[in-house]
């Protein structure tokens, strides 16, 4: 089960994503996006721990993603939200791109959205976007 810190981390991370989304919906409001980024980073740190967070962002193969993510946050903090979010999005894709296949597998196991994602017309498109590799049996 989750510890109290992990529960707080999940709440901070969800709040961060919510505020980033709200900042985008309000035409890239830099204050909301900056607040969302700070909450997201605090939430990730509480969720997986400070050492694992540092290890995740400092990995050699993820260095470009970390630099892009950090540069995007910096640009948002200095009131350049559109350019900052675009660069941050590149960093997010580089950092968390490996998790998309796991997320798709999880969503396919859910009751309502699962059958939609498993539909023969939708499944190949989702697999291509998420980078899911189907191994031959």
Protein backbone atom coordinates (compact mmCIF):
# COMPACT_ATOMS: atom_id res chain seq x y z
CA UNK A 1 0.00 0.00 0.00
CA UNK A 2 1.03 3.63 -0.29
CA UNK A 3 2.73 5.52 2.51
CA UNK A 4 1.43 8.92 3.57
CA UNK A 5 4.19 10.68 1.62
CA UNK A 6 3.27 8.75 -1.54
CA UNK A 7 -0.40 9.70 -1.08
CA UNK A 8 0.60 13.35 -0.77
CA UNK A 9 2.87 12.94 -3.79
CA UNK A 10 0.02 11.55 -5.88
CA UNK A 11 -2.19 14.46 -4.81
CA UNK A 12 0.52 17.05 -5.60
CA UNK A 13 1.22 15.44 -8.98
CA UNK A 14 -2.49 15.38 -9.88
CA UNK A 15 -2.82 18.99 -8.73
CA UNK A 16 0.18 19.95 -10.84
CA UNK A 17 -1.28 18.33 -13.93
CA UNK A 18 -4.61 20.03 -13.23
CA UNK A 19 -3.03 23.49 -12.92
CA UNK A 20 -0.92 22.99 -16.05
CA UNK A 21 -4.06 21.97 -17.94
CA UNK A 22 -5.95 24.94 -16.49
CA UNK A 23 -3.07 27.23 -17.51
CA UNK A 24 -3.26 25.91 -21.06
CA UNK A 25 -7.03 26.32 -21.16
CA UNK A 26 -6.70 29.95 -20.05
CA UNK A 27 -4.52 30.76 -23.06
CA UNK A 28 -1.19 29.84 -21.50
CA UNK A 29 -1.48 31.72 -18.23
CA UNK A 30 2.09 31.67 -16.94
CA UNK A 31 1.13 31.87 -13.24
CA UNK A 32 -1.09 28.78 -13.39
CA UNK A 33 1.44 26.87 -15.47
CA UNK A 34 4.31 27.79 -13.15
CA UNK A 35 2.27 26.72 -10.12
CA UNK A 36 1.39 23.46 -11.89
CA UNK A 37 5.03 22.75 -12.72
CA UNK A 38 6.13 23.35 -9.13
CA UNK A 39 3.36 21.10 -7.80
CA UNK A 40 4.24 18.42 -10.37
CA UNK A 41 7.92 18.39 -9.39
CA UNK A 42 7.10 18.31 -5.67
CA UNK A 43 4.61 15.49 -6.29
CA UNK A 44 7.07 13.37 -8.27
CA UNK A 45 9.68 13.88 -5.56
CA UNK A 46 7.26 12.82 -2.81
CA UNK A 47 5.96 9.92 -4.87
CA UNK A 48 9.24 8.20 -5.74
CA UNK A 49 11.65 9.83 -3.31
CA UNK A 50 14.34 12.49 -3.72
CA UNK A 51 17.20 10.14 -4.66
CA UNK A 52 15.19 8.26 -7.27
CA UNK A 53 13.92 11.55 -8.69
CA UNK A 54 17.46 12.85 -9.06
CA UNK A 55 18.57 9.55 -10.55
CA UNK A 56 15.66 9.62 -13.01
CA UNK A 57 16.38 13.15 -14.27
CA UNK A 58 20.18 12.71 -14.23
CA UNK A 59 20.36 9.52 -16.32
CA UNK A 60 22.71 9.91 -19.24
CA UNK A 61 20.26 8.61 -21.84
CA UNK A 62 17.55 11.04 -20.58
CA UNK A 63 19.80 14.11 -20.34
CA UNK A 64 18.32 15.90 -23.38
CA UNK A 65 14.81 15.39 -22.03
CA UNK A 66 15.81 16.68 -18.61
CA UNK A 67 17.45 19.77 -20.11
CA UNK A 68 14.42 20.47 -22.32
CA UNK A 69 12.04 19.94 -19.39
CA UNK A 70 14.06 22.25 -17.13
CA UNK A 71 14.44 24.89 -19.85
CA UNK A 72 10.69 24.78 -20.48
CA UNK A 73 9.95 25.31 -16.79
CA UNK A 74 12.46 28.18 -16.69
CA UNK A 75 10.84 29.85 -19.71
CA UNK A 76 7.42 29.52 -18.11
CA UNK A 77 8.75 31.09 -14.91
CA UNK A 78 10.12 34.09 -16.85
CA UNK A 79 6.74 34.67 -18.54
CA UNK A 80 7.28 32.90 -21.86
CA UNK A 81 4.58 30.23 -21.42
CA UNK A 82 3.89 29.19 -25.02
CA UNK A 83 7.53 28.64 -26.01
CA UNK A 84 8.26 27.19 -22.57
CA UNK A 85 5.43 24.70 -22.79
CA UNK A 86 6.45 23.62 -26.28
CA UNK A 87 10.02 22.94 -25.11
CA UNK A 88 8.74 21.34 -21.91
CA UNK A 89 6.50 19.05 -23.95
CA UNK A 90 9.52 17.85 -25.94
CA UNK A 91 11.26 17.11 -22.62
CA UNK A 92 8.23 15.28 -21.25
CA UNK A 93 8.04 13.11 -24.35
CA UNK A 94 11.75 12.32 -24.09
CA UNK A 95 11.58 11.60 -20.36
CA UNK A 96 8.27 9.77 -20.06
CA UNK A 97 7.88 8.34 -23.59
CA UNK A 98 8.76 4.85 -22.40
CA UNK A 99 5.73 4.83 -20.08
CA UNK A 100 3.14 5.35 -22.81
CA UNK A 101 2.95 1.63 -23.61
CA UNK A 102 2.33 0.88 -19.93
CA UNK A 103 -0.35 3.58 -19.76
CA UNK A 104 -2.10 2.17 -22.84
CA UNK A 105 -2.04 -1.35 -21.37
CA UNK A 106 -3.55 -0.01 -18.15
CA UNK A 107 -6.26 1.93 -19.98
CA UNK A 108 -7.17 -1.15 -22.01
CA UNK A 109 -7.92 -3.01 -18.79
CA UNK A 110 -10.45 -0.37 -17.66
CA UNK A 111 -14.15 -1.13 -18.10
CA UNK A 112 -15.39 1.80 -20.21
CA UNK A 113 -12.38 2.94 -22.21
CA UNK A 114 -10.84 -0.53 -22.60
CA UNK A 115 -13.23 -1.84 -25.26
CA UNK A 116 -12.81 1.39 -27.23
CA UNK A 117 -9.01 1.11 -27.18
CA UNK A 118 -9.18 -2.60 -28.11
CA UNK A 119 -11.48 -1.98 -31.09
CA UNK A 120 -9.85 -3.27 -34.31
CA UNK A 121 -10.10 0.14 -35.99
CA UNK A 122 -8.63 2.06 -33.03
CA UNK A 123 -6.03 -0.39 -31.65
CA UNK A 124 -3.42 -0.08 -34.45
CA UNK A 125 -3.49 3.74 -34.29
CA UNK A 126 -3.11 3.77 -30.50
CA UNK A 127 -0.35 1.17 -30.66
CA UNK A 128 1.57 3.23 -33.21
CA UNK A 129 1.19 6.46 -31.21
CA UNK A 130 2.19 4.82 -27.93
CA UNK A 131 5.04 2.83 -29.45
CA UNK A 132 3.58 -0.50 -28.35
CA UNK A 133 5.52 -3.39 -29.83
CA UNK A 134 3.57 -6.58 -30.33
CA UNK A 135 5.84 -9.58 -30.22
CA UNK A 136 5.07 -12.52 -32.51
CA UNK A 137 4.15 -15.69 -30.69
